[in-house]
C-alpha atoms as a PDB file:
ATOM      1  CA  MET A   1      27.560 216.498 114.374  1.00  0.00           C
ATOM      2  CA  ALA A   2      31.053 218.031 114.119  1.00  0.00           C
ATOM      3  CA  LEU A   3      33.642 217.498 111.557  1.00  0.00           C
ATOM      4  CA  THR A   4      35.940 215.270 113.900  1.00  0.00           C
ATOM      5  CA  GLY A   5      39.232 212.384 113.699  1.00  0.00           C
ATOM      6  CA  LYS A   6      41.248 212.308 110.624  1.00  0.00           C
ATOM      7  CA  PRO A   7      40.286 212.818 106.935  1.00  0.00           C
ATOM      8  CA  VAL A   8      41.950 211.533 104.251  1.00  0.00           C
ATOM      9  CA  GLY A   9      41.121 213.342 100.896  1.00  0.00           C
ATOM     10  CA  ILE A  10      42.126 211.137  97.607  1.00  0.00           C
ATOM     11  CA  LEU A  11      43.059 213.134  94.728  1.00  0.00           C
ATOM     12  CA  GLY A  12      44.408 212.754  91.239  1.00  0.00           C
ATOM     13  CA  MET A  13      43.417 212.973  87.949  1.00  0.00           C
ATOM     14  CA  TYR A  14      40.279 210.679  86.282  1.00  0.00           C
ATOM     15  CA  ARG A  15      41.398 207.317  85.954  1.00  0.00           C
ATOM     16  CA  SER A  16      44.552 207.368  88.215  1.00  0.00           C
ATOM     17  CA  GLY A  17      43.560 204.573  90.518  1.00  0.00           C
ATOM     18  CA  THR A  18      41.644 207.308  92.854  1.00  0.00           C
ATOM     19  CA  SER A  19      38.780 204.827  93.091  1.00  0.00           C
ATOM     20  CA  SER A  20      40.802 201.846  93.610  1.00  0.00           C
ATOM     21  CA  VAL A  21      42.795 203.604  96.644  1.00  0.00           C
ATOM     22  CA  ALA A  22      39.056 204.282  98.234  1.00  0.00           C
ATOM     23  CA  LYS A  23      38.515 200.927  98.459  1.00  0.00           C
ATOM     24  CA  ALA A  24      41.519 199.627  99.768  1.00  0.00           C
ATOM     25  CA  LEU A  25      41.398 202.509 102.643  1.00  0.00           C
ATOM     26  CA  GLN A  26      37.882 201.621 102.756  1.00  0.00           C
ATOM     27  CA  ALA A  27      38.469 198.012 103.373  1.00  0.00           C
ATOM     28  CA  LEU A  28      41.339 199.715 106.473  1.00  0.00           C
ATOM     29  CA  GLY A  29      38.419 201.437 108.018  1.00  0.00           C
ATOM     30  CA  VAL A  30      38.599 204.362 107.063  1.00  0.00           C
ATOM     31  CA  GLN A  31      34.428 205.743 106.555  1.00  0.00           C
ATOM     32  CA  PHE A  32      33.167 207.715 102.884  1.00  0.00           C
ATOM     33  CA  GLY A  33      29.572 207.299 103.611  1.00  0.00           C
ATOM     34  CA  ASP A  34      26.816 205.733 103.172  1.00  0.00           C
ATOM     35  CA  GLU A  35      26.753 203.990  99.829  1.00  0.00           C
ATOM     36  CA  LYS A  36      23.538 205.201  99.015  1.00  0.00           C
ATOM     37  CA  ASP A  37      24.617 208.950  98.462  1.00  0.00           C
ATOM     38  CA  HIS A  38      27.491 207.883  96.236  1.00  0.00           C
ATOM     39  CA  PHE A  39      27.836 208.411  92.706  1.00  0.00           C
ATOM     40  CA  PRO A  40      26.645 204.549  91.843  1.00  0.00           C
ATOM     41  CA  SER A  41      28.663 201.883  89.672  1.00  0.00           C
ATOM     42  CA  ASN A  42      28.635 201.137  86.293  1.00  0.00           C
ATOM     43  CA  GLU A  43      30.014 199.343  83.595  1.00  0.00           C
ATOM     44  CA  PHE A  44      33.381 201.359  84.249  1.00  0.00           C
ATOM     45  CA  ASN A  45      33.772 201.230  87.748  1.00  0.00           C
ATOM     46  CA  PRO A  46      32.152 197.261  88.606  1.00  0.00           C
ATOM     47  CA  GLY A  47      33.398 198.099  92.009  1.00  0.00           C
ATOM     48  CA  GLY A  48      32.272 201.840  92.802  1.00  0.00           C
ATOM     49  CA  TYR A  49      33.685 205.354  92.429  1.00  0.00           C
ATOM     50  CA  PHE A  50      33.402 206.029  96.729  1.00  0.00           C
ATOM     51  CA  GLU A  51      32.341 209.917  95.340  1.00  0.00           C
ATOM     52  CA  LEU A  52      29.430 211.202  97.415  1.00  0.00           C
ATOM     53  CA  THR A  53      27.564 212.808  94.274  1.00  0.00           C
ATOM     54  CA  LYS A  54      26.127 215.224  96.146  1.00  0.00           C
ATOM     55  CA  LEU A  55      30.340 216.379  96.283  1.00  0.00           C
ATOM     56  CA  THR A  56      30.824 216.349  92.756  1.00  0.00           C
ATOM     57  CA  GLU A  57      28.015 219.237  92.260  1.00  0.00           C
ATOM     58  CA  ILE A  58      29.786 221.532  94.754  1.00  0.00           C
ATOM     59  CA  ASN A  59      32.895 221.140  93.639  1.00  0.00           C
ATOM     60  CA  ARG A  60      31.288 221.718  90.308  1.00  0.00           C
ATOM     61  CA  LEU A  61      29.865 224.929  91.731  1.00  0.00           C
ATOM     62  CA  LEU A  62      32.862 226.112  92.815  1.00  0.00           C
ATOM     63  CA  LEU A  63      34.807 226.532  89.974  1.00  0.00           C
ATOM     64  CA  ARG A  64      31.638 227.761  87.980  1.00  0.00           C
ATOM     65  CA  SER A  65      31.840 230.855  90.961  1.00  0.00           C
ATOM     66  CA  PHE A  66      35.489 231.259  90.210  1.00  0.00           C
ATOM     67  CA  ASP A  67      35.455 231.053  86.116  1.00  0.00           C
ATOM     68  CA  ARG A  68      36.652 227.656  85.978  1.00  0.00           C
ATOM     69  CA  ALA A  69      35.843 224.207  84.739  1.00  0.00           C
ATOM     70  CA  TYR A  70      36.843 220.615  85.165  1.00  0.00           C
ATOM     71  CA  ASN A  71      37.732 220.258  82.386  1.00  0.00           C
ATOM     72  CA  ARG A  72      39.491 224.115  81.542  1.00  0.00           C
ATOM     73  CA  ILE A  73      43.244 223.721  82.171  1.00  0.00           C
ATOM     74  CA  SER A  74      43.092 227.252  84.544  1.00  0.00           C
ATOM     75  CA  PRO A  75      44.516 227.319  88.419  1.00  0.00           C
ATOM     76  CA  LEU A  76      43.174 228.375  91.186  1.00  0.00           C
ATOM     77  CA  PRO A  77      42.525 232.495  91.143  1.00  0.00           C
ATOM     78  CA  ALA A  78      44.789 233.260  94.146  1.00  0.00           C
ATOM     79  CA  GLU A  79      42.074 235.587  95.479  1.00  0.00           C
ATOM     80  CA  TRP A  80      39.128 233.200  95.079  1.00  0.00           C
ATOM     81  CA  ARG A  81      37.848 234.353  99.115  1.00  0.00           C
ATOM     82  CA  SER A  82      36.585 237.052  97.329  1.00  0.00           C
ATOM     83  CA  TYR A  83      34.036 236.239  95.111  1.00  0.00           C
ATOM     84  CA  PRO A  84      30.967 236.738  95.463  1.00  0.00           C
ATOM     85  CA  ARG A  85      29.889 232.646  96.056  1.00  0.00           C
ATOM     86  CA  SER A  86      33.034 231.893  97.974  1.00  0.00           C
ATOM     87  CA  ASP A  87      31.268 232.043 101.917  1.00  0.00           C
ATOM     88  CA  LYS A  88      28.291 230.683 100.681  1.00  0.00           C
ATOM     89  CA  LEU A  89      30.361 227.481  98.995  1.00  0.00           C
ATOM     90  CA  LEU A  90      32.056 227.004 101.908  1.00  0.00           C
ATOM     91  CA  ILE A  91      29.323 226.698 104.327  1.00  0.00           C
ATOM     92  CA  ALA A  92      27.253 224.417 101.932  1.00  0.00           C
ATOM     93  CA  LEU A  93      30.314 222.427 101.113  1.00  0.00           C
ATOM     94  CA  HIS A  94      31.536 222.342 105.659  1.00  0.00           C
ATOM     95  CA  GLN A  95      27.424 221.394 106.007  1.00  0.00           C
ATOM     96  CA  LEU A  96      27.554 218.462 103.699  1.00  0.00           C
ATOM     97  CA  LEU A  97      30.416 216.616 104.575  1.00  0.00           C
ATOM     98  CA  GLU A  98      29.145 217.332 108.146  1.00  0.00           C
ATOM     99  CA  ARG A  99      26.095 215.565 107.636  1.00  0.00           C
ATOM    100  CA  SER A 100      27.831 212.622 105.210  1.00  0.00           C
ATOM    101  CA  LEU A 101      30.617 211.944 107.576  1.00  0.00           C
ATOM    102  CA  GLY A 102      30.505 214.056 111.108  1.00  0.00           C
ATOM    103  CA  GLY A 103      31.028 212.097 114.016  1.00  0.00           C
ATOM    104  CA  GLN A 104      33.197 209.583 112.058  1.00  0.00           C
ATOM    105  CA  GLY A 105      37.170 209.156 113.801  1.00  0.00           C
ATOM    106  CA  LEU A 106      38.482 208.297 110.370  1.00  0.00           C
ATOM    107  CA  TRP A 107      36.846 209.270 107.329  1.00  0.00           C
ATOM    108  CA  GLY A 108      37.683 210.573 104.320  1.00  0.00           C
ATOM    109  CA  TRP A 109      37.055 211.605 100.544  1.00  0.00           C
ATOM    110  CA  LYS A 110      37.400 211.317  97.362  1.00  0.00           C
ATOM    111  CA  GLU A 111      36.385 213.494  94.268  1.00  0.00           C
ATOM    112  CA  PRO A 112      39.086 214.430  91.440  1.00  0.00           C
ATOM    113  CA  ILE A 113      38.329 218.379  90.884  1.00  0.00           C
ATOM    114  CA  THR A 114      39.335 218.474  94.718  1.00  0.00           C
ATOM    115  CA  SER A 115      42.848 217.960  93.651  1.00  0.00           C
ATOM    116  CA  LEU A 116      41.974 221.331  92.034  1.00  0.00           C
ATOM    117  CA  ILE A 117      40.606 223.384  95.097  1.00  0.00           C
ATOM    118  CA  VAL A 118      42.902 221.953  97.727  1.00  0.00           C
ATOM    119  CA  PRO A 119      43.632 225.251  99.409  1.00  0.00           C
ATOM    120  CA  VAL A 120      39.378 225.757  99.582  1.00  0.00           C
ATOM    121  CA  TYR A 121      39.041 222.360 101.357  1.00  0.00           C
ATOM    122  CA  ASP A 122      41.974 223.239 103.586  1.00  0.00           C
ATOM    123  CA  GLU A 123      39.787 226.079 104.836  1.00  0.00           C
ATOM    124  CA  VAL A 124      37.020 224.131 105.043  1.00  0.00           C
ATOM    125  CA  LEU A 125      38.993 221.279 107.809  1.00  0.00           C
ATOM    126  CA  ARG A 126      40.352 224.258 109.800  1.00  0.00           C
ATOM    127  CA  ARG A 127      37.263 225.912 110.871  1.00  0.00           C
ATOM    128  CA  ASP A 128      37.186 222.267 113.160  1.00  0.00           C
ATOM    129  CA  ALA A 129      40.953 222.581 113.674  1.00  0.00           C
ATOM    130  CA  LEU A 130      41.457 219.295 111.133  1.00  0.00           C
ATOM    131  CA  ASN A 131      44.117 218.624 108.833  1.00  0.00           C
ATOM    132  CA  ALA A 132      43.927 215.883 106.002  1.00  0.00           C
ATOM    133  CA  HIS A 133      46.159 213.823 104.850  1.00  0.00           C
ATOM    134  CA  TYR A 134      46.217 213.683 101.177  1.00  0.00           C
ATOM    135  CA  VAL A 135      47.058 210.372  98.720  1.00  0.00           C
ATOM    136  CA  VAL A 136      47.785 211.458  95.470  1.00  0.00           C
ATOM    137  CA  CYS A 137      47.290 208.568  92.967  1.00  0.00           C
ATOM    138  CA  VAL A 138      49.008 209.024  89.856  1.00  0.00           C
ATOM    139  CA  ARG A 139      48.838 206.712  86.969  1.00  0.00           C
ATOM    140  CA  HIS A 140      50.767 206.545  83.553  1.00  0.00           C
ATOM    141  CA  PRO A 141      48.936 209.647  81.181  1.00  0.00           C
ATOM    142  CA  ILE A 142      49.082 207.175  78.209  1.00  0.00           C
ATOM    143  CA  ASP A 143      47.208 204.814  80.232  1.00  0.00           C
ATOM    144  CA  VAL A 144      44.288 207.224  81.345  1.00  0.00           C
ATOM    145  CA  ALA A 145      43.895 208.960  78.406  1.00  0.00           C
ATOM    146  CA  ASN A 146      42.523 205.049  77.356  1.00  0.00           C
ATOM    147  CA  SER A 147      40.833 204.623  79.770  1.00  0.00           C
ATOM    148  CA  GLN A 148      39.096 207.973  79.488  1.00  0.00           C
ATOM    149  CA  ARG A 149      38.358 207.548  75.410  1.00  0.00           C
ATOM    150  CA  LYS A 150      36.701 204.457  76.624  1.00  0.00           C
ATOM    151  CA  MET A 151      34.298 206.817  78.820  1.00  0.00           C
ATOM    152  CA  LEU A 152      34.611 210.086  77.279  1.00  0.00           C
ATOM    153  CA  SER A 153      35.928 210.381  74.213  1.00  0.00           C
ATOM    154  CA  PHE A 154      34.749 213.632  73.144  1.00  0.00           C
ATOM    155  CA  LEU A 155      37.833 214.775  75.456  1.00  0.00           C
ATOM    156  CA  GLY A 156      40.675 213.489  73.665  1.00  0.00           C
ATOM    157  CA  ASP A 157      43.983 214.354  73.556  1.00  0.00           C
ATOM    158  CA  LEU A 158      42.357 217.258  75.507  1.00  0.00           C
ATOM    159  CA  SER A 159      43.775 214.042  78.729  1.00  0.00           C
ATOM    160  CA  PHE A 160      47.431 214.783  78.724  1.00  0.00           C
ATOM    161  CA  GLY A 161      46.415 218.306  79.091  1.00  0.00           C
ATOM    162  CA  MET A 162      44.145 217.606  81.868  1.00  0.00           C
ATOM    163  CA  TRP A 163      46.057 214.621  83.352  1.00  0.00           C
ATOM    164  CA  LEU A 164      49.491 217.356  83.451  1.00  0.00           C
ATOM    165  CA  PHE A 165      47.193 219.548  85.386  1.00  0.00           C
ATOM    166  CA  TYR A 166      45.624 217.275  87.983  1.00  0.00           C
ATOM    167  CA  THR A 167      48.632 216.026  88.680  1.00  0.00           C
ATOM    168  CA  LEU A 168      50.699 219.216  89.140  1.00  0.00           C
ATOM    169  CA  SER A 169      47.434 220.821  91.368  1.00  0.00           C
ATOM    170  CA  ALA A 170      48.148 218.166  93.682  1.00  0.00           C
ATOM    171  CA  LEU A 171      51.231 218.264  95.106  1.00  0.00           C
ATOM    172  CA  TYR A 172      51.413 222.065  94.291  1.00  0.00           C
ATOM    173  CA  TRP A 173      48.626 222.570  96.763  1.00  0.00           C
ATOM    174  CA  THR A 174      49.239 220.263  98.793  1.00  0.00           C
ATOM    175  CA  ARG A 175      53.329 220.663  98.775  1.00  0.00           C
ATOM    176  CA  GLY A 176      54.323 221.237 103.095  1.00  0.00           C
ATOM    177  CA  ALA A 177      50.664 219.326 104.195  1.00  0.00           C
ATOM    178  CA  SER A 178      50.876 215.409 105.490  1.00  0.00           C
ATOM    179  CA  ARG A 179      50.953 213.585 102.067  1.00  0.00           C
ATOM    180  CA  SER A 180      51.587 210.426 100.067  1.00  0.00           C
ATOM    181  CA  VAL A 181      52.077 209.507  95.930  1.00  0.00           C
ATOM    182  CA  VAL A 182      50.464 206.435  95.225  1.00  0.00           C
ATOM    183  CA  PRO A 183      52.135 205.240  91.833  1.00  0.00           C
ATOM    184  CA  TYR A 184      49.140 203.180  89.948  1.00  0.00           C
ATOM    185  CA  GLU A 185      51.359 200.518  89.504  1.00  0.00           C
ATOM    186  CA  ARG A 186      52.916 200.151  93.009  1.00  0.00           C
ATOM    187  CA  LEU A 187      49.152 199.963  94.916  1.00  0.00           C
ATOM    188  CA  LEU A 188      48.615 196.689  92.759  1.00  0.00           C
ATOM    189  CA  ASP A 189      52.358 195.482  93.079  1.00  0.00           C
ATOM    190  CA  ASP A 190      52.326 196.012  96.736  1.00  0.00           C
ATOM    191  CA  PRO A 191      49.785 197.992  98.406  1.00  0.00           C
ATOM    192  CA  ARG A 192      51.361 197.693 101.713  1.00  0.00           C
ATOM    193  CA  GLN A 193      54.024 199.561 100.490  1.00  0.00           C
ATOM    194  CA  ALA A 194      51.697 202.512  98.503  1.00  0.00           C
ATOM    195  CA  LEU A 195      49.329 202.860 101.561  1.00  0.00           C
ATOM    196  CA  GLU A 196      51.911 202.572 104.643  1.00  0.00           C
ATOM    197  CA  PRO A 197      52.339 206.672 104.543  1.00  0.00           C
ATOM    198  CA  CYS A 198      49.027 207.034 104.639  1.00  0.00           C
ATOM    199  CA  ALA A 199      48.526 204.768 107.381  1.00  0.00           C
ATOM    200  CA  SER A 200      51.158 205.700 109.567  1.00  0.00           C
ATOM    201  CA  SER A 201      49.396 209.383 109.702  1.00  0.00           C
ATOM    202  CA  ARG A 202      46.030 208.305 110.254  1.00  0.00           C
ATOM    203  CA  GLY A 203      47.527 205.711 113.303  1.00  0.00           C
ATOM    204  CA  ILE A 204      45.634 202.986 110.754  1.00  0.00           C
ATOM    205  CA  ALA A 205      47.397 199.392 112.247  1.00  0.00           C
ATOM    206  CA  ALA A 206      46.007 196.726 109.521  1.00  0.00           C
ATOM    207  CA  SER A 207      47.239 193.173 109.978  1.00  0.00           C
ATOM    208  CA  GLU A 208      49.452 191.634 107.623  1.00  0.00           C
ATOM    209  CA  GLU A 209      46.819 189.288 106.537  1.00  0.00           C
ATOM    210  CA  GLU A 210      44.378 192.590 106.214  1.00  0.00           C
ATOM    211  CA  LEU A 211      46.916 193.739 103.851  1.00  0.00           C
ATOM    212  CA  GLU A 212      47.774 191.104 102.440  1.00  0.00           C
ATOM    213  CA  ASP A 213      44.043 190.498 100.981  1.00  0.00           C
ATOM    214  CA  GLN A 214      44.454 193.861  99.673  1.00  0.00           C
ATOM    215  CA  ARG A 215      47.368 192.481  97.518  1.00  0.00           C
ATOM    216  CA  LEU A 216      45.371 190.018  96.586  1.00  0.00           C
ATOM    217  CA  HIS A 217      42.507 191.858  95.863  1.00  0.00           C
ATOM    218  CA  LEU A 218      43.634 194.220  93.681  1.00  0.00           C
ATOM    219  CA  ALA A 219      45.262 191.279  91.790  1.00  0.00           C
ATOM    220  CA  VAL A 220      42.413 190.521  91.066  1.00  0.00           C
ATOM    221  CA  GLY A 221      41.705 191.347  86.897  1.00  0.00           C
ATOM    222  CA  GLN A 222      41.576 194.988  86.288  1.00  0.00           C
ATOM    223  CA  SER A 223      39.118 194.557  84.381  1.00  0.00           C
ATOM    224  CA  GLY A 224      36.735 194.494  88.034  1.00  0.00           C
ATOM    225  CA  LEU A 225      39.301 197.444  89.268  1.00  0.00           C
ATOM    226  CA  PRO A 226      37.908 200.604  90.266  1.00  0.00           C
ATOM    227  CA  GLU A 227      40.093 203.405  88.890  1.00  0.00           C
END
């Protein structure tokens, strides 16, 4: 199936609320692929990650092909299209999205590394004459660092540099594009206001009841809230 419809790309540093946004958007009708293809939930995200495991693999291969890494603060090279493996990986990315999300009217993907390589995704989407609405998730860097240390203690203070790099990359690469910025705290306090720009852009007609359900769901005990 070809890629069709209205895609949503969720960006932001790890542990910045990307999974919470994905969970809320899924409840409002955005498709993220078959759950069996997702990275499995665990003690750190009991509500689920909403990430296609194969997408993470391709994203890391893309970074490696550009001599980059997810935890290395180095921007996407301007000449990335000319790198030897670019064409092959672009085809692999398109095939994965097509296989997992093709034929959907309203669909999205969430994988933090995308924040660093937005132009790659834009090029893949353009092959099917599509443009994404990007949701940039932002959370206080101290909260992100504390959350990351529970999962990956080896990162230490690198979390702060990564937070800045991921956040600035997401904002830089989406300038001029259809996008909304969602602070984590606003998502918890008022998901209607936080998600309204994305909903309007993608034509999501959520009822007051559905949005209130999201507010209550996200407000119930952050210990079980996906990040």
